Amino acid sequence: QYVYSPDAESRAVIDELATLYDSKPVTLVRAIYERPVNPAQSFA
């Protein structure tokens, strides 16, 4: 069994994620898939 149990700070961020997912799903998907795979390489 698994229980949803983030701390208060994480819960607030997840709540914002849910709001974004409901209001702008395409923007969220793009942000996730367009992020650099390797941030250090992207910086270089």
PDB file of all heavy atoms in Angstrom:
ATOM      1  N   GLN A   1       0.829  -1.211   0.000  1.00  0.00           N
ATOM      2  CA  GLN A   1       0.000   0.000   0.000  1.00  0.00           C
ATOM      3  C   GLN A   1       0.860   1.257   0.000  1.00  0.00           C
ATOM      4  O   GLN A   1       1.953   1.278   0.583  1.00  0.00           O
ATOM      5  CB  GLN A   1      -0.919   0.014   1.226  1.00  0.00           C
ATOM      6  CG  GLN A   1      -1.920  -1.116   1.234  1.00  0.00           C
ATOM      7  CD  GLN A   1      -2.877  -1.046   0.055  1.00  0.00           C
ATOM      8  OE1 GLN A   1      -3.442   0.005  -0.234  1.00  0.00           O
ATOM      9  NE2 GLN A   1      -3.051  -2.162  -0.635  1.00  0.00           N
ATOM     10  N   TYR A   2       0.348   2.284  -0.626  1.00  0.00           N
ATOM     11  CA  TYR A   2       1.002   3.587  -0.663  1.00  0.00           C
ATOM     12  C   TYR A   2       0.017   4.629  -0.182  1.00  0.00           C
ATOM     13  O   TYR A   2      -1.174   4.550  -0.470  1.00  0.00           O
ATOM     14  CB  TYR A   2       1.429   3.944  -2.093  1.00  0.00           C
ATOM     15  CG  TYR A   2       2.527   3.068  -2.632  1.00  0.00           C
ATOM     16  CD1 TYR A   2       2.242   1.840  -3.207  1.00  0.00           C
ATOM     17  CD2 TYR A   2       3.852   3.480  -2.571  1.00  0.00           C
ATOM     18  CE1 TYR A   2       3.247   1.042  -3.709  1.00  0.00           C
ATOM     19  CE2 TYR A   2       4.871   2.682  -3.077  1.00  0.00           C
ATOM     20  CZ  TYR A   2       4.550   1.465  -3.643  1.00  0.00           C
ATOM     21  OH  TYR A   2       5.551   0.676  -4.137  1.00  0.00           O
ATOM     22  N   VAL A   3       0.534   5.608   0.558  1.00  0.00           N
ATOM     23  CA  VAL A   3      -0.295   6.707   1.068  1.00  0.00           C
ATOM     24  C   VAL A   3       0.349   8.016   0.657  1.00  0.00           C
ATOM     25  O   VAL A   3       1.562   8.198   0.807  1.00  0.00           O
ATOM     26  CB  VAL A   3      -0.414   6.630   2.614  1.00  0.00           C
ATOM     27  CG1 VAL A   3      -1.196   7.813   3.160  1.00  0.00           C
ATOM     28  CG2 VAL A   3      -1.044   5.322   3.030  1.00  0.00           C
ATOM     29  N   TYR A   4      -0.464   8.917   0.132  1.00  0.00           N
ATOM     30  CA  TYR A   4      -0.013  10.253  -0.237  1.00  0.00           C
ATOM     31  C   TYR A   4       0.394  10.983   1.038  1.00  0.00           C
ATOM     32  O   TYR A   4      -0.404  11.141   1.952  1.00  0.00           O
ATOM     33  CB  TYR A   4      -1.176  10.967  -0.938  1.00  0.00           C
ATOM     34  CG  TYR A   4      -0.913  12.385  -1.381  1.00  0.00           C
ATOM     35  CD1 TYR A   4      -0.100  12.648  -2.468  1.00  0.00           C
ATOM     36  CD2 TYR A   4      -1.522  13.449  -0.735  1.00  0.00           C
ATOM     37  CE1 TYR A   4       0.117  13.950  -2.903  1.00  0.00           C
ATOM     38  CE2 TYR A   4      -1.315  14.751  -1.165  1.00  0.00           C
ATOM     39  CZ  TYR A   4      -0.509  14.994  -2.247  1.00  0.00           C
ATOM     40  OH  TYR A   4      -0.299  16.280  -2.676  1.00  0.00           O
ATOM     41  N   SER A   5       1.679  11.409   1.120  1.00  0.00           N
ATOM     42  CA  SER A   5       2.142  11.972   2.389  1.00  0.00           C
ATOM     43  C   SER A   5       3.238  13.033   2.238  1.00  0.00           C
ATOM     44  O   SER A   5       4.235  12.988   2.952  1.00  0.00           O
ATOM     45  CB  SER A   5       2.655  10.851   3.279  1.00  0.00           C
ATOM     46  OG  SER A   5       3.761  10.224   2.644  1.00  0.00           O
ATOM     47  N   PRO A   6       3.078  13.989   1.326  1.00  0.00           N
ATOM     48  CA  PRO A   6       4.119  15.022   1.227  1.00  0.00           C
ATOM     49  C   PRO A   6       4.072  15.948   2.439  1.00  0.00           C
ATOM     50  O   PRO A   6       3.036  16.057   3.109  1.00  0.00           O
ATOM     51  CB  PRO A   6       3.747  15.777  -0.045  1.00  0.00           C
ATOM     52  CG  PRO A   6       2.274  15.588  -0.172  1.00  0.00           C
ATOM     53  CD  PRO A   6       2.000  14.210   0.378  1.00  0.00           C
ATOM     54  N   ASP A   7       5.200  16.613   2.711  1.00  0.00           N
ATOM     55  CA  ASP A   7       5.191  17.592   3.787  1.00  0.00           C
ATOM     56  C   ASP A   7       4.387  18.809   3.326  1.00  0.00           C
ATOM     57  O   ASP A   7       3.959  18.894   2.168  1.00  0.00           O
ATOM     58  CB  ASP A   7       6.615  17.984   4.197  1.00  0.00           C
ATOM     59  CG  ASP A   7       7.425  18.599   3.072  1.00  0.00           C
ATOM     60  OD1 ASP A   7       6.853  19.226   2.157  1.00  0.00           O
ATOM     61  OD2 ASP A   7       8.662  18.454   3.090  1.00  0.00           O
ATOM     62  N   ALA A   8       4.154  19.743   4.230  1.00  0.00           N
ATOM     63  CA  ALA A   8       3.290  20.896   3.928  1.00  0.00           C
ATOM     64  C   ALA A   8       3.798  21.717   2.749  1.00  0.00           C
ATOM     65  O   ALA A   8       3.016  22.146   1.891  1.00  0.00           O
ATOM     66  CB  ALA A   8       3.146  21.777   5.170  1.00  0.00           C
ATOM     67  N   GLU A   9       5.102  21.937   2.693  1.00  0.00           N
ATOM     68  CA  GLU A   9       5.667  22.732   1.598  1.00  0.00           C
ATOM     69  C   GLU A   9       5.490  22.014   0.254  1.00  0.00           C
ATOM     70  O   GLU A   9       5.073  22.628  -0.735  1.00  0.00           O
ATOM     71  CB  GLU A   9       7.150  22.994   1.853  1.00  0.00           C
ATOM     72  CG  GLU A   9       7.793  23.892   0.822  1.00  0.00           C
ATOM     73  CD  GLU A   9       9.257  24.183   1.149  1.00  0.00           C
ATOM     74  OE1 GLU A   9       9.678  24.032   2.317  1.00  0.00           O
ATOM     75  OE2 GLU A   9       9.974  24.557   0.216  1.00  0.00           O
ATOM     76  N   SER A  10       5.780  20.740   0.231  1.00  0.00           N
ATOM     77  CA  SER A  10       5.614  19.959  -1.005  1.00  0.00           C
ATOM     78  C   SER A  10       4.147  19.877  -1.396  1.00  0.00           C
ATOM     79  O   SER A  10       3.797  19.957  -2.576  1.00  0.00           O
ATOM     80  CB  SER A  10       6.180  18.557  -0.838  1.00  0.00           C
ATOM     81  OG  SER A  10       7.574  18.599  -0.648  1.00  0.00           O
ATOM     82  N   ARG A  11       3.276  19.737  -0.408  1.00  0.00           N
ATOM     83  CA  ARG A  11       1.834  19.664  -0.681  1.00  0.00           C
ATOM     84  C   ARG A  11       1.355  20.943  -1.375  1.00  0.00           C
ATOM     85  O   ARG A  11       0.577  20.880  -2.330  1.00  0.00           O
ATOM     86  CB  ARG A  11       1.076  19.439   0.625  1.00  0.00           C
ATOM     87  CG  ARG A  11      -0.399  19.148   0.440  1.00  0.00           C
ATOM     88  CD  ARG A  11      -1.048  18.860   1.788  1.00  0.00           C
ATOM     89  NE  ARG A  11      -0.450  17.726   2.455  1.00  0.00           N
ATOM     90  CZ  ARG A  11      -0.919  16.485   2.403  1.00  0.00           C
ATOM     91  NH1 ARG A  11      -1.998  16.230   1.698  1.00  0.00           N
ATOM     92  NH2 ARG A  11      -0.330  15.506   3.047  1.00  0.00           N
ATOM     93  N   ALA A  12       1.853  22.085  -0.933  1.00  0.00           N
ATOM     94  CA  ALA A  12       1.467  23.356  -1.561  1.00  0.00           C
ATOM     95  C   ALA A  12       1.941  23.418  -3.009  1.00  0.00           C
ATOM     96  O   ALA A  12       1.209  23.868  -3.898  1.00  0.00           O
ATOM     97  CB  ALA A  12       2.030  24.525  -0.763  1.00  0.00           C
ATOM     98  N   VAL A  13       3.147  22.940  -3.255  1.00  0.00           N
ATOM     99  CA  VAL A  13       3.685  22.943  -4.626  1.00  0.00           C
ATOM    100  C   VAL A  13       2.887  21.961  -5.495  1.00  0.00           C
ATOM    101  O   VAL A  13       2.568  22.268  -6.651  1.00  0.00           O
ATOM    102  CB  VAL A  13       5.186  22.591  -4.632  1.00  0.00           C
ATOM    103  CG1 VAL A  13       5.705  22.383  -6.043  1.00  0.00           C
ATOM    104  CG2 VAL A  13       5.976  23.686  -3.926  1.00  0.00           C
ATOM    105  N   ILE A  14       2.555  20.815  -4.953  1.00  0.00           N
ATOM    106  CA  ILE A  14       1.766  19.827  -5.707  1.00  0.00           C
ATOM    107  C   ILE A  14       0.373  20.374  -5.995  1.00  0.00           C
ATOM    108  O   ILE A  14      -0.178  20.156  -7.086  1.00  0.00           O
ATOM    109  CB  ILE A  14       1.715  18.480  -4.953  1.00  0.00           C
ATOM    110  CG1 ILE A  14       3.120  17.877  -4.888  1.00  0.00           C
ATOM    111  CG2 ILE A  14       0.738  17.512  -5.616  1.00  0.00           C
ATOM    112  CD1 ILE A  14       3.273  16.730  -3.908  1.00  0.00           C
ATOM    113  N   ASP A  15      -0.192  21.116  -5.062  1.00  0.00           N
ATOM    114  CA  ASP A  15      -1.486  21.757  -5.302  1.00  0.00           C
ATOM    115  C   ASP A  15      -1.389  22.749  -6.465  1.00  0.00           C
ATOM    116  O   ASP A  15      -2.287  22.818  -7.312  1.00  0.00           O
ATOM    117  CB  ASP A  15      -1.989  22.473  -4.044  1.00  0.00           C
ATOM    118  CG  ASP A  15      -2.413  21.510  -2.950  1.00  0.00           C
ATOM    119  OD1 ASP A  15      -2.583  20.296  -3.229  1.00  0.00           O
ATOM    120  OD2 ASP A  15      -2.565  21.969  -1.799  1.00  0.00           O
ATOM    121  N   GLU A  16      -0.294  23.494  -6.535  1.00  0.00           N
ATOM    122  CA  GLU A  16      -0.085  24.421  -7.647  1.00  0.00           C
ATOM    123  C   GLU A  16       0.100  23.647  -8.957  1.00  0.00           C
ATOM    124  O   GLU A  16      -0.404  24.064 -10.006  1.00  0.00           O
ATOM    125  CB  GLU A  16       1.132  25.308  -7.394  1.00  0.00           C
ATOM    126  CG  GLU A  16       0.909  26.346  -6.313  1.00  0.00           C
ATOM    127  CD  GLU A  16       2.125  27.221  -6.089  1.00  0.00           C
ATOM    128  OE1 GLU A  16       2.831  27.541  -7.064  1.00  0.00           O
ATOM    129  OE2 GLU A  16       2.355  27.593  -4.921  1.00  0.00           O
ATOM    130  N   LEU A  17       0.810  22.534  -8.891  1.00  0.00           N
ATOM    131  CA  LEU A  17       0.990  21.680 -10.061  1.00  0.00           C
ATOM    132  C   LEU A  17      -0.373  21.196 -10.572  1.00  0.00           C
ATOM    133  O   LEU A  17      -0.632  21.211 -11.778  1.00  0.00           O
ATOM    134  CB  LEU A  17       1.882  20.489  -9.713  1.00  0.00           C
ATOM    135  CG  LEU A  17       2.080  19.440 -10.796  1.00  0.00           C
ATOM    136  CD1 LEU A  17       2.877  20.019 -11.964  1.00  0.00           C
ATOM    137  CD2 LEU A  17       2.789  18.226 -10.213  1.00  0.00           C
ATOM    138  N   ALA A  18      -1.236  20.794  -9.664  1.00  0.00           N
ATOM    139  CA  ALA A  18      -2.572  20.321 -10.041  1.00  0.00           C
ATOM    140  C   ALA A  18      -3.374  21.441 -10.700  1.00  0.00           C
ATOM    141  O   ALA A  18      -4.066  21.208 -11.698  1.00  0.00           O
ATOM    142  CB  ALA A  18      -3.308  19.788  -8.814  1.00  0.00           C
ATOM    143  N   THR A  19      -3.250  22.644 -10.171  1.00  0.00           N
ATOM    144  CA  THR A  19      -3.949  23.782 -10.760  1.00  0.00           C
ATOM    145  C   THR A  19      -3.453  24.045 -12.176  1.00  0.00           C
ATOM    146  O   THR A  19      -4.245  24.255 -13.100  1.00  0.00           O
ATOM    147  CB  THR A  19      -3.756  25.047  -9.886  1.00  0.00           C
ATOM    148  OG1 THR A  19      -4.306  24.790  -8.587  1.00  0.00           O
ATOM    149  CG2 THR A  19      -4.422  26.256 -10.501  1.00  0.00           C
ATOM    150  N   LEU A  20      -2.143  24.005 -12.356  1.00  0.00           N
ATOM    151  CA  LEU A  20      -1.559  24.201 -13.676  1.00  0.00           C
ATOM    152  C   LEU A  20      -1.980  23.079 -14.625  1.00  0.00           C
ATOM    153  O   LEU A  20      -2.321  23.320 -15.778  1.00  0.00           O
ATOM    154  CB  LEU A  20      -0.035  24.281 -13.591  1.00  0.00           C
ATOM    155  CG  LEU A  20       0.710  24.523 -14.895  1.00  0.00           C
ATOM    156  CD1 LEU A  20       0.286  25.844 -15.536  1.00  0.00           C
ATOM    157  CD2 LEU A  20       2.208  24.533 -14.647  1.00  0.00           C
ATOM    158  N   TYR A  21      -1.977  21.853 -14.136  1.00  0.00           N
ATOM    159  CA  TYR A  21      -2.367  20.704 -14.945  1.00  0.00           C
ATOM    160  C   TYR A  21      -3.815  20.845 -15.415  1.00  0.00           C
ATOM    161  O   TYR A  21      -4.139  20.517 -16.555  1.00  0.00           O
ATOM    162  CB  TYR A  21      -2.201  19.423 -14.127  1.00  0.00           C
ATOM    163  CG  TYR A  21      -2.467  18.160 -14.894  1.00  0.00           C
ATOM    164  CD1 TYR A  21      -1.490  17.614 -15.719  1.00  0.00           C
ATOM    165  CD2 TYR A  21      -3.686  17.497 -14.799  1.00  0.00           C
ATOM    166  CE1 TYR A  21      -1.718  16.443 -16.427  1.00  0.00           C
ATOM    167  CE2 TYR A  21      -3.927  16.328 -15.503  1.00  0.00           C
ATOM    168  CZ  TYR A  21      -2.950  15.810 -16.313  1.00  0.00           C
ATOM    169  OH  TYR A  21      -3.182  14.655 -17.018  1.00  0.00           O
ATOM    170  N   ASP A  22      -4.684  21.368 -14.539  1.00  0.00           N
ATOM    171  CA  ASP A  22      -6.092  21.542 -14.894  1.00  0.00           C
ATOM    172  C   ASP A  22      -6.327  22.736 -15.813  1.00  0.00           C
ATOM    173  O   ASP A  22      -7.180  22.687 -16.689  1.00  0.00           O
ATOM    174  CB  ASP A  22      -6.948  21.713 -13.631  1.00  0.00           C
ATOM    175  CG  ASP A  22      -7.049  20.427 -12.833  1.00  0.00           C
ATOM    176  OD1 ASP A  22      -6.832  19.337 -13.406  1.00  0.00           O
ATOM    177  OD2 ASP A  22      -7.336  20.515 -11.622  1.00  0.00           O
ATOM    178  N   SER A  23      -5.561  23.820 -15.615  1.00  0.00           N
ATOM    179  CA  SER A  23      -5.814  25.043 -16.369  1.00  0.00           C
ATOM    180  C   SER A  23      -4.987  25.171 -17.645  1.00  0.00           C
ATOM    181  O   SER A  23      -5.450  25.751 -18.624  1.00  0.00           O
ATOM    182  CB  SER A  23      -5.588  26.268 -15.482  1.00  0.00           C
ATOM    183  OG  SER A  23      -4.228  26.354 -15.098  1.00  0.00           O
ATOM    184  N   LYS A  24      -3.765  24.656 -17.646  1.00  0.00           N
ATOM    185  CA  LYS A  24      -2.877  24.793 -18.801  1.00  0.00           C
ATOM    186  C   LYS A  24      -2.074  23.514 -19.020  1.00  0.00           C
ATOM    187  O   LYS A  24      -0.842  23.502 -18.919  1.00  0.00           O
ATOM    188  CB  LYS A  24      -1.930  25.970 -18.593  1.00  0.00           C
ATOM    189  CG  LYS A  24      -2.643  27.300 -18.477  1.00  0.00           C
ATOM    190  CD  LYS A  24      -1.675  28.444 -18.332  1.00  0.00           C
ATOM    191  CE  LYS A  24      -2.473  29.735 -18.230  1.00  0.00           C
ATOM    192  NZ  LYS A  24      -1.616  30.888 -18.178  1.00  0.00           N
ATOM    193  N   PRO A  25      -2.754  22.424 -19.348  1.00  0.00           N
ATOM    194  CA  PRO A  25      -2.041  21.148 -19.480  1.00  0.00           C
ATOM    195  C   PRO A  25      -0.986  21.142 -20.579  1.00  0.00           C
ATOM    196  O   PRO A  25       0.073  20.538 -20.417  1.00  0.00           O
ATOM    197  CB  PRO A  25      -3.151  20.137 -19.759  1.00  0.00           C
ATOM    198  CG  PRO A  25      -4.283  20.948 -20.284  1.00  0.00           C
ATOM    199  CD  PRO A  25      -4.174  22.296 -19.628  1.00  0.00           C
ATOM    200  N   VAL A  26      -1.246  21.808 -21.690  1.00  0.00           N
ATOM    201  CA  VAL A  26      -0.274  21.826 -22.790  1.00  0.00           C
ATOM    202  C   VAL A  26       0.998  22.550 -22.358  1.00  0.00           C
ATOM    203  O   VAL A  26       2.116  22.102 -22.639  1.00  0.00           O
ATOM    204  CB  VAL A  26      -0.879  22.464 -24.053  1.00  0.00           C
ATOM    205  CG1 VAL A  26       0.170  22.637 -25.145  1.00  0.00           C
ATOM    206  CG2 VAL A  26      -2.056  21.632 -24.563  1.00  0.00           C
ATOM    207  N   THR A  27       0.844  23.649 -21.648  1.00  0.00           N
ATOM    208  CA  THR A  27       2.001  24.399 -21.149  1.00  0.00           C
ATOM    209  C   THR A  27       2.823  23.536 -20.201  1.00  0.00           C
ATOM    210  O   THR A  27       4.053  23.521 -20.271  1.00  0.00           O
ATOM    211  CB  THR A  27       1.540  25.683 -20.431  1.00  0.00           C
ATOM    212  OG1 THR A  27       0.781  26.471 -21.353  1.00  0.00           O
ATOM    213  CG2 THR A  27       2.710  26.479 -19.906  1.00  0.00           C
ATOM    214  N   LEU A  28       2.160  22.803 -19.339  1.00  0.00           N
ATOM    215  CA  LEU A  28       2.856  21.923 -18.403  1.00  0.00           C
ATOM    216  C   LEU A  28       3.606  20.822 -19.140  1.00  0.00           C
ATOM    217  O   LEU A  28       4.779  20.574 -18.860  1.00  0.00           O
ATOM    218  CB  LEU A  28       1.872  21.317 -17.402  1.00  0.00           C
ATOM    219  CG  LEU A  28       2.472  20.329 -16.409  1.00  0.00           C
ATOM    220  CD1 LEU A  28       3.505  21.013 -15.523  1.00  0.00           C
ATOM    221  CD2 LEU A  28       1.388  19.685 -15.576  1.00  0.00           C
ATOM    222  N   VAL A  29       2.959  20.189 -20.082  1.00  0.00           N
ATOM    223  CA  VAL A  29       3.604  19.109 -20.836  1.00  0.00           C
ATOM    224  C   VAL A  29       4.822  19.644 -21.579  1.00  0.00           C
ATOM    225  O   VAL A  29       5.894  19.031 -21.560  1.00  0.00           O
ATOM    226  CB  VAL A  29       2.606  18.439 -21.806  1.00  0.00           C
ATOM    227  CG1 VAL A  29       3.317  17.490 -22.763  1.00  0.00           C
ATOM    228  CG2 VAL A  29       1.529  17.702 -21.028  1.00  0.00           C
ATOM    229  N   ARG A  30       4.678  20.790 -22.213  1.00  0.00           N
ATOM    230  CA  ARG A  30       5.824  21.383 -22.916  1.00  0.00           C
ATOM    231  C   ARG A  30       6.967  21.683 -21.957  1.00  0.00           C
ATOM    232  O   ARG A  30       8.132  21.429 -22.258  1.00  0.00           O
ATOM    233  CB  ARG A  30       5.410  22.667 -23.621  1.00  0.00           C
ATOM    234  CG  ARG A  30       4.696  22.435 -24.909  1.00  0.00           C
ATOM    235  CD  ARG A  30       4.459  23.742 -25.624  1.00  0.00           C
ATOM    236  NE  ARG A  30       3.711  23.508 -26.838  1.00  0.00           N
ATOM    237  CZ  ARG A  30       2.918  24.382 -27.399  1.00  0.00           C
ATOM    238  NH1 ARG A  30       2.753  25.578 -26.858  1.00  0.00           N
ATOM    239  NH2 ARG A  30       2.281  24.086 -28.507  1.00  0.00           N
ATOM    240  N   ALA A  31       6.651  22.249 -20.814  1.00  0.00           N
ATOM    241  CA  ALA A  31       7.696  22.582 -19.839  1.00  0.00           C
ATOM    242  C   ALA A  31       8.439  21.335 -19.379  1.00  0.00           C
ATOM    243  O   ALA A  31       9.660  21.357 -19.205  1.00  0.00           O
ATOM    244  CB  ALA A  31       7.081  23.311 -18.641  1.00  0.00           C
ATOM    245  N   ILE A  32       7.725  20.259 -19.215  1.00  0.00           N
ATOM    246  CA  ILE A  32       8.352  19.017 -18.756  1.00  0.00           C
ATOM    247  C   ILE A  32       9.222  18.411 -19.843  1.00  0.00           C
ATOM    248  O   ILE A  32      10.370  18.034 -19.608  1.00  0.00           O
ATOM    249  CB  ILE A  32       7.292  18.012 -18.273  1.00  0.00           C
ATOM    250  CG1 ILE A  32       6.686  18.511 -16.959  1.00  0.00           C
ATOM    251  CG2 ILE A  32       7.884  16.611 -18.113  1.00  0.00           C
ATOM    252  CD1 ILE A  32       5.489  17.744 -16.487  1.00  0.00           C
ATOM    253  N   TYR A  33       8.702  18.336 -21.055  1.00  0.00           N
ATOM    254  CA  TYR A  33       9.442  17.671 -22.123  1.00  0.00           C
ATOM    255  C   TYR A  33      10.502  18.543 -22.778  1.00  0.00           C
ATOM    256  O   TYR A  33      11.418  18.021 -23.403  1.00  0.00           O
ATOM    257  CB  TYR A  33       8.486  17.116 -23.182  1.00  0.00           C
ATOM    258  CG  TYR A  33       7.791  15.877 -22.690  1.00  0.00           C
ATOM    259  CD1 TYR A  33       6.435  15.885 -22.391  1.00  0.00           C
ATOM    260  CD2 TYR A  33       8.496  14.703 -22.487  1.00  0.00           C
ATOM    261  CE1 TYR A  33       5.796  14.742 -21.928  1.00  0.00           C
ATOM    262  CE2 TYR A  33       7.868  13.564 -22.019  1.00  0.00           C
ATOM    263  CZ  TYR A  33       6.526  13.590 -21.741  1.00  0.00           C
ATOM    264  OH  TYR A  33       5.893  12.458 -21.275  1.00  0.00           O
ATOM    265  N   GLU A  34      10.419  19.844 -22.618  1.00  0.00           N
ATOM    266  CA  GLU A  34      11.420  20.723 -23.217  1.00  0.00           C
ATOM    267  C   GLU A  34      12.542  21.086 -22.263  1.00  0.00           C
ATOM    268  O   GLU A  34      13.475  21.765 -22.640  1.00  0.00           O
ATOM    269  CB  GLU A  34      10.750  21.996 -23.742  1.00  0.00           C
ATOM    270  CG  GLU A  34       9.873  21.734 -24.950  1.00  0.00           C
ATOM    271  CD  GLU A  34       9.129  22.964 -25.434  1.00  0.00           C
ATOM    272  OE1 GLU A  34       9.242  24.042 -24.815  1.00  0.00           O
ATOM    273  OE2 GLU A  34       8.417  22.839 -26.448  1.00  0.00           O
ATOM    274  N   ARG A  35      12.477  20.626 -21.041  1.00  0.00           N
ATOM    275  CA  ARG A  35      13.541  20.936 -20.087  1.00  0.00           C
ATOM    276  C   ARG A  35      14.806  20.204 -20.497  1.00  0.00           C
ATOM    277  O   ARG A  35      14.752  19.138 -21.105  1.00  0.00           O
ATOM    278  CB  ARG A  35      13.152  20.576 -18.665  1.00  0.00           C
ATOM    279  CG  ARG A  35      13.055  19.100 -18.414  1.00  0.00           C
ATOM    280  CD  ARG A  35      12.643  18.806 -16.984  1.00  0.00           C
ATOM    281  NE  ARG A  35      12.293  17.434 -16.823  1.00  0.00           N
ATOM    282  CZ  ARG A  35      13.163  16.446 -16.667  1.00  0.00           C
ATOM    283  NH1 ARG A  35      14.434  16.696 -16.644  1.00  0.00           N
ATOM    284  NH2 ARG A  35      12.754  15.207 -16.532  1.00  0.00           N
ATOM    285  N   PRO A  36      15.941  20.787 -20.205  1.00  0.00           N
ATOM    286  CA  PRO A  36      17.200  20.136 -20.578  1.00  0.00           C
ATOM    287  C   PRO A  36      17.348  18.785 -19.889  1.00  0.00           C
ATOM    288  O   PRO A  36      17.041  18.651 -18.711  1.00  0.00           O
ATOM    289  CB  PRO A  36      18.276  21.093 -20.075  1.00  0.00           C
ATOM    290  CG  PRO A  36      17.587  22.365 -19.752  1.00  0.00           C
ATOM    291  CD  PRO A  36      16.138  22.056 -19.547  1.00  0.00           C
ATOM    292  N   VAL A  37      17.816  17.815 -20.628  1.00  0.00           N
ATOM    293  CA  VAL A  37      18.040  16.486 -20.056  1.00  0.00           C
ATOM    294  C   VAL A  37      19.199  16.545 -19.078  1.00  0.00           C
ATOM    295  O   VAL A  37      19.153  15.975 -18.005  1.00  0.00           O
ATOM    296  CB  VAL A  37      18.317  15.456 -21.172  1.00  0.00           C
ATOM    297  CG1 VAL A  37      18.676  14.107 -20.580  1.00  0.00           C
ATOM    298  CG2 VAL A  37      17.116  15.348 -22.079  1.00  0.00           C
ATOM    299  N   ASN A  38      20.232  17.269 -19.446  1.00  0.00           N
ATOM    300  CA  ASN A  38      21.405  17.416 -18.598  1.00  0.00           C
ATOM    301  C   ASN A  38      21.666  18.913 -18.408  1.00  0.00           C
ATOM    302  O   ASN A  38      22.244  19.549 -19.278  1.00  0.00           O
ATOM    303  CB  ASN A  38      22.616  16.736 -19.242  1.00  0.00           C
ATOM    304  CG  ASN A  38      23.839  16.796 -18.368  1.00  0.00           C
ATOM    305  OD1 ASN A  38      23.963  17.641 -17.478  1.00  0.00           O
ATOM    306  ND2 ASN A  38      24.771  15.903 -18.626  1.00  0.00           N
ATOM    307  N   PRO A  39      21.231  19.486 -17.289  1.00  0.00           N
ATOM    308  CA  PRO A  39      21.384  20.926 -17.089  1.00  0.00           C
ATOM    309  C   PRO A  39      22.823  21.412 -17.203  1.00  0.00           C
ATOM    310  O   PRO A  39      23.076  22.483 -17.751  1.00  0.00           O
ATOM    311  CB  PRO A  39      20.844  21.157 -15.678  1.00  0.00           C
ATOM    312  CG  PRO A  39      19.974  19.993 -15.404  1.00  0.00           C
ATOM    313  CD  PRO A  39      20.550  18.843 -16.188  1.00  0.00           C
ATOM    314  N   ALA A  40      23.796  20.631 -16.735  1.00  0.00           N
ATOM    315  CA  ALA A  40      25.196  21.050 -16.818  1.00  0.00           C
ATOM    316  C   ALA A  40      25.633  21.145 -18.276  1.00  0.00           C
ATOM    317  O   ALA A  40      26.328  22.090 -18.670  1.00  0.00           O
ATOM    318  CB  ALA A  40      26.086  20.080 -16.054  1.00  0.00           C
ATOM    319  N   GLN A  41      25.212  20.173 -19.088  1.00  0.00           N
ATOM    320  CA  GLN A  41      25.568  20.208 -20.508  1.00  0.00           C
ATOM    321  C   GLN A  41      24.904  21.385 -21.200  1.00  0.00           C
ATOM    322  O   GLN A  41      25.516  22.060 -22.019  1.00  0.00           O
ATOM    323  CB  GLN A  41      25.175  18.898 -21.198  1.00  0.00           C
ATOM    324  CG  GLN A  41      25.595  18.836 -22.658  1.00  0.00           C
ATOM    325  CD  GLN A  41      27.103  18.892 -22.823  1.00  0.00           C
ATOM    326  OE1 GLN A  41      27.824  18.150 -22.175  1.00  0.00           O
ATOM    327  NE2 GLN A  41      27.586  19.773 -23.676  1.00  0.00           N
ATOM    328  N   SER A  42      23.654  21.661 -20.863  1.00  0.00           N
ATOM    329  CA  SER A  42      22.955  22.796 -21.461  1.00  0.00           C
ATOM    330  C   SER A  42      23.642  24.105 -21.105  1.00  0.00           C
ATOM    331  O   SER A  42      23.765  25.003 -21.939  1.00  0.00           O
ATOM    332  CB  SER A  42      21.498  22.836 -20.993  1.00  0.00           C
ATOM    333  OG  SER A  42      20.824  21.708 -21.474  1.00  0.00           O
ATOM    334  N   PHE A  43      24.105  24.211 -19.868  1.00  0.00           N
ATOM    335  CA  PHE A  43      24.824  25.408 -19.435  1.00  0.00           C
ATOM    336  C   PHE A  43      26.121  25.542 -20.218  1.00  0.00           C
ATOM    337  O   PHE A  43      26.448  26.613 -20.728  1.00  0.00           O
ATOM    338  CB  PHE A  43      25.104  25.330 -17.934  1.00  0.00           C
ATOM    339  CG  PHE A  43      25.829  26.523 -17.394  1.00  0.00           C
ATOM    340  CD1 PHE A  43      25.173  27.732 -17.217  1.00  0.00           C
ATOM    341  CD2 PHE A  43      27.170  26.449 -17.056  1.00  0.00           C
ATOM    342  CE1 PHE A  43      25.832  28.834 -16.729  1.00  0.00           C
ATOM    343  CE2 PHE A  43      27.844  27.543 -16.565  1.00  0.00           C
ATOM    344  CZ  PHE A  43      27.174  28.745 -16.389  1.00  0.00           C
ATOM    345  N   ALA A  44      26.855  24.456 -20.358  1.00  0.00           N
ATOM    346  CA  ALA A  44      28.117  24.483 -21.108  1.00  0.00           C
ATOM    347  C   ALA A  44      27.871  24.817 -22.572  1.00  0.00           C
ATOM    348  O   ALA A  44      28.625  25.592 -23.178  1.00  0.00           O
ATOM    349  CB  ALA A  44      28.829  23.139 -20.979  1.00  0.00           C
TER     350      ALA A  44
END
